[in-house]
Amino acid sequence: REDLYYRLNVVPMYIPTLKERLEDIPLFVQFFIDKLNYKLNKNIKGADVEFISELMKYHWPGNVR
């Protein structure tokens, strides 16, 4: 249906870009580590602090989809 987008877009939501929410990066990293641990039956505890620091320094030019 051509009007499906407009029917679903009745409550617009603003979600800030990742570069506006740098404090969420460690949470995202841990989320994906946990998800992959479960999927791959691994036991990785977390990411190196320097790795997370580098992710937080990145300028994130677009939005993550």
N, C-alpha and C. Protein backbone atom coordinates (compact mmCIF):
# COMPACT_ATOMS: atom_id res chain seq x y z
N ARG A 1 0.82 -1.19 0.00
CA ARG A 1 0.00 0.00 0.00
C ARG A 1 0.87 1.25 0.00
N GLU A 2 0.49 2.17 -0.79
CA GLU A 2 1.27 3.41 -0.90
C GLU A 2 1.16 4.29 0.33
N ASP A 3 0.05 4.21 1.05
CA ASP A 3 -0.15 5.07 2.21
C ASP A 3 0.31 4.44 3.52
N LEU A 4 0.92 3.27 3.46
CA LEU A 4 1.31 2.56 4.68
C LEU A 4 2.28 3.39 5.53
N TYR A 5 3.26 4.01 4.90
CA TYR A 5 4.22 4.83 5.65
C TYR A 5 3.50 5.93 6.43
N TYR A 6 2.56 6.60 5.80
CA TYR A 6 1.86 7.70 6.45
C TYR A 6 0.93 7.20 7.54
N ARG A 7 0.39 6.00 7.38
CA ARG A 7 -0.45 5.43 8.43
C ARG A 7 0.39 5.04 9.65
N LEU A 8 1.59 4.56 9.41
CA LEU A 8 2.46 4.17 10.51
C LEU A 8 3.16 5.37 11.16
N ASN A 9 3.26 6.46 10.44
CA ASN A 9 3.98 7.65 10.91
C ASN A 9 3.04 8.60 11.64
N VAL A 10 2.19 8.08 12.52
CA VAL A 10 1.24 8.95 13.23
C VAL A 10 1.85 9.54 14.50
N VAL A 11 2.89 8.90 15.03
CA VAL A 11 3.55 9.41 16.22
C VAL A 11 5.04 9.53 15.91
N PRO A 12 5.46 10.67 15.36
CA PRO A 12 6.88 10.82 15.04
C PRO A 12 7.73 10.81 16.32
N MET A 13 8.88 10.18 16.23
CA MET A 13 9.79 10.11 17.38
C MET A 13 11.15 10.66 16.97
N TYR A 14 11.71 11.48 17.82
CA TYR A 14 13.06 11.98 17.58
C TYR A 14 14.02 11.11 18.38
N ILE A 15 14.97 10.51 17.70
CA ILE A 15 16.01 9.73 18.36
C ILE A 15 17.34 10.40 18.01
N PRO A 16 18.04 10.91 19.01
CA PRO A 16 19.30 11.61 18.74
C PRO A 16 20.31 10.69 18.05
N THR A 17 21.18 11.29 17.26
CA THR A 17 22.23 10.53 16.60
C THR A 17 23.23 10.03 17.64
N LEU A 18 24.01 9.06 17.24
CA LEU A 18 24.99 8.48 18.16
C LEU A 18 26.02 9.53 18.61
N LYS A 19 26.37 10.46 17.73
CA LYS A 19 27.35 11.48 18.14
C LYS A 19 26.79 12.43 19.20
N GLU A 20 25.45 12.44 19.35
CA GLU A 20 24.82 13.23 20.41
C GLU A 20 24.66 12.42 21.70
N ARG A 21 24.96 11.13 21.64
CA ARG A 21 24.76 10.24 22.79
C ARG A 21 26.00 9.37 23.02
N LEU A 22 27.15 9.98 23.04
CA LEU A 22 28.40 9.24 23.19
C LEU A 22 28.43 8.40 24.47
N GLU A 23 27.73 8.84 25.50
CA GLU A 23 27.73 8.09 26.76
C GLU A 23 27.03 6.74 26.61
N ASP A 24 26.28 6.54 25.52
CA ASP A 24 25.60 5.26 25.28
C ASP A 24 26.51 4.22 24.62
N ILE A 25 27.64 4.64 24.10
CA ILE A 25 28.52 3.72 23.37
C ILE A 25 28.95 2.53 24.24
N PRO A 26 29.40 2.73 25.49
CA PRO A 26 29.76 1.55 26.29
C PRO A 26 28.58 0.59 26.49
N LEU A 27 27.37 1.13 26.59
CA LEU A 27 26.18 0.28 26.73
C LEU A 27 25.94 -0.53 25.47
N PHE A 28 26.10 0.10 24.31
CA PHE A 28 25.93 -0.61 23.05
C PHE A 28 26.98 -1.71 22.90
N VAL A 29 28.23 -1.38 23.24
CA VAL A 29 29.30 -2.37 23.13
C VAL A 29 28.98 -3.58 24.00
N GLN A 30 28.58 -3.34 25.24
CA GLN A 30 28.27 -4.46 26.14
C GLN A 30 27.04 -5.24 25.65
N PHE A 31 26.06 -4.54 25.10
CA PHE A 31 24.87 -5.22 24.56
C PHE A 31 25.27 -6.20 23.47
N PHE A 32 26.10 -5.75 22.53
CA PHE A 32 26.49 -6.62 21.43
C PHE A 32 27.43 -7.74 21.88
N ILE A 33 28.28 -7.46 22.85
CA ILE A 33 29.12 -8.53 23.41
C ILE A 33 28.23 -9.61 24.03
N ASP A 34 27.26 -9.19 24.82
CA ASP A 34 26.35 -10.15 25.46
C ASP A 34 25.56 -10.95 24.43
N LYS A 35 25.09 -10.25 23.41
CA LYS A 35 24.30 -10.92 22.37
C LYS A 35 25.14 -11.96 21.62
N LEU A 36 26.37 -11.59 21.28
CA LEU A 36 27.24 -12.52 20.56
C LEU A 36 27.74 -13.65 21.47
N ASN A 37 27.95 -13.35 22.74
CA ASN A 37 28.31 -14.41 23.69
C ASN A 37 27.23 -15.49 23.71
N TYR A 38 25.99 -15.06 23.77
CA TYR A 38 24.87 -16.01 23.79
C TYR A 38 24.79 -16.80 22.48
N LYS A 39 24.87 -16.07 21.37
CA LYS A 39 24.73 -16.70 20.06
C LYS A 39 25.88 -17.67 19.75
N LEU A 40 27.10 -17.29 20.13
CA LEU A 40 28.28 -18.09 19.79
C LEU A 40 28.77 -18.96 20.95
N ASN A 41 28.02 -18.93 22.05
CA ASN A 41 28.38 -19.71 23.24
C ASN A 41 29.80 -19.38 23.72
N LYS A 42 30.05 -18.08 23.86
CA LYS A 42 31.35 -17.59 24.33
C LYS A 42 31.18 -16.96 25.71
N ASN A 43 32.27 -16.53 26.31
CA ASN A 43 32.22 -15.90 27.62
C ASN A 43 33.17 -14.70 27.68
N ILE A 44 32.99 -13.77 26.76
CA ILE A 44 33.80 -12.55 26.73
C ILE A 44 33.19 -11.58 27.73
N LYS A 45 34.00 -11.06 28.63
CA LYS A 45 33.50 -10.21 29.72
C LYS A 45 33.18 -8.78 29.28
N GLY A 46 34.01 -8.22 28.42
CA GLY A 46 33.81 -6.84 28.02
C GLY A 46 34.88 -6.41 27.04
N ALA A 47 34.82 -5.15 26.66
CA ALA A 47 35.78 -4.59 25.71
C ALA A 47 36.85 -3.79 26.45
N ASP A 48 37.99 -3.69 25.84
CA ASP A 48 39.10 -2.92 26.39
C ASP A 48 38.71 -1.44 26.49
N VAL A 49 39.13 -0.79 27.54
CA VAL A 49 38.82 0.62 27.77
C VAL A 49 39.32 1.49 26.62
N GLU A 50 40.49 1.17 26.08
CA GLU A 50 41.05 1.95 24.96
C GLU A 50 40.17 1.82 23.71
N PHE A 51 39.62 0.63 23.48
CA PHE A 51 38.74 0.42 22.33
C PHE A 51 37.48 1.29 22.46
N ILE A 52 36.88 1.28 23.63
CA ILE A 52 35.68 2.10 23.85
C ILE A 52 36.02 3.58 23.74
N SER A 53 37.18 3.97 24.24
CA SER A 53 37.62 5.36 24.14
C SER A 53 37.76 5.79 22.68
N GLU A 54 38.32 4.92 21.85
CA GLU A 54 38.45 5.23 20.42
C GLU A 54 37.09 5.36 19.76
N LEU A 55 36.15 4.50 20.12
CA LEU A 55 34.80 4.61 19.57
C LEU A 55 34.16 5.94 19.96
N MET A 56 34.42 6.38 21.18
CA MET A 56 33.83 7.63 21.65
C MET A 56 34.49 8.86 21.02
N LYS A 57 35.73 8.72 20.54
CA LYS A 57 36.42 9.83 19.87
C LYS A 57 35.98 9.97 18.41
N TYR A 58 35.45 8.90 17.84
CA TYR A 58 35.05 8.91 16.43
C TYR A 58 33.93 9.93 16.23
N HIS A 59 33.87 10.57 15.06
CA HIS A 59 32.90 11.64 14.85
C HIS A 59 31.52 11.16 14.38
N TRP A 60 31.32 9.90 14.10
CA TRP A 60 30.03 9.30 13.74
C TRP A 60 29.23 10.20 12.78
N PRO A 61 29.62 10.24 11.50
CA PRO A 61 29.03 11.16 10.54
C PRO A 61 27.56 10.91 10.20
N GLY A 62 27.06 9.71 10.37
CA GLY A 62 25.66 9.43 10.03
C GLY A 62 24.97 8.74 11.17
N ASN A 63 23.70 8.48 10.99
CA ASN A 63 22.94 7.78 12.02
C ASN A 63 23.07 6.28 11.81
N VAL A 64 23.04 5.54 12.89
CA VAL A 64 23.10 4.08 12.83
C VAL A 64 21.70 3.57 12.59
N ARG A 65 21.58 2.65 11.64
CA ARG A 65 20.25 2.09 11.35
C ARG A 65 20.23 0.63 11.63
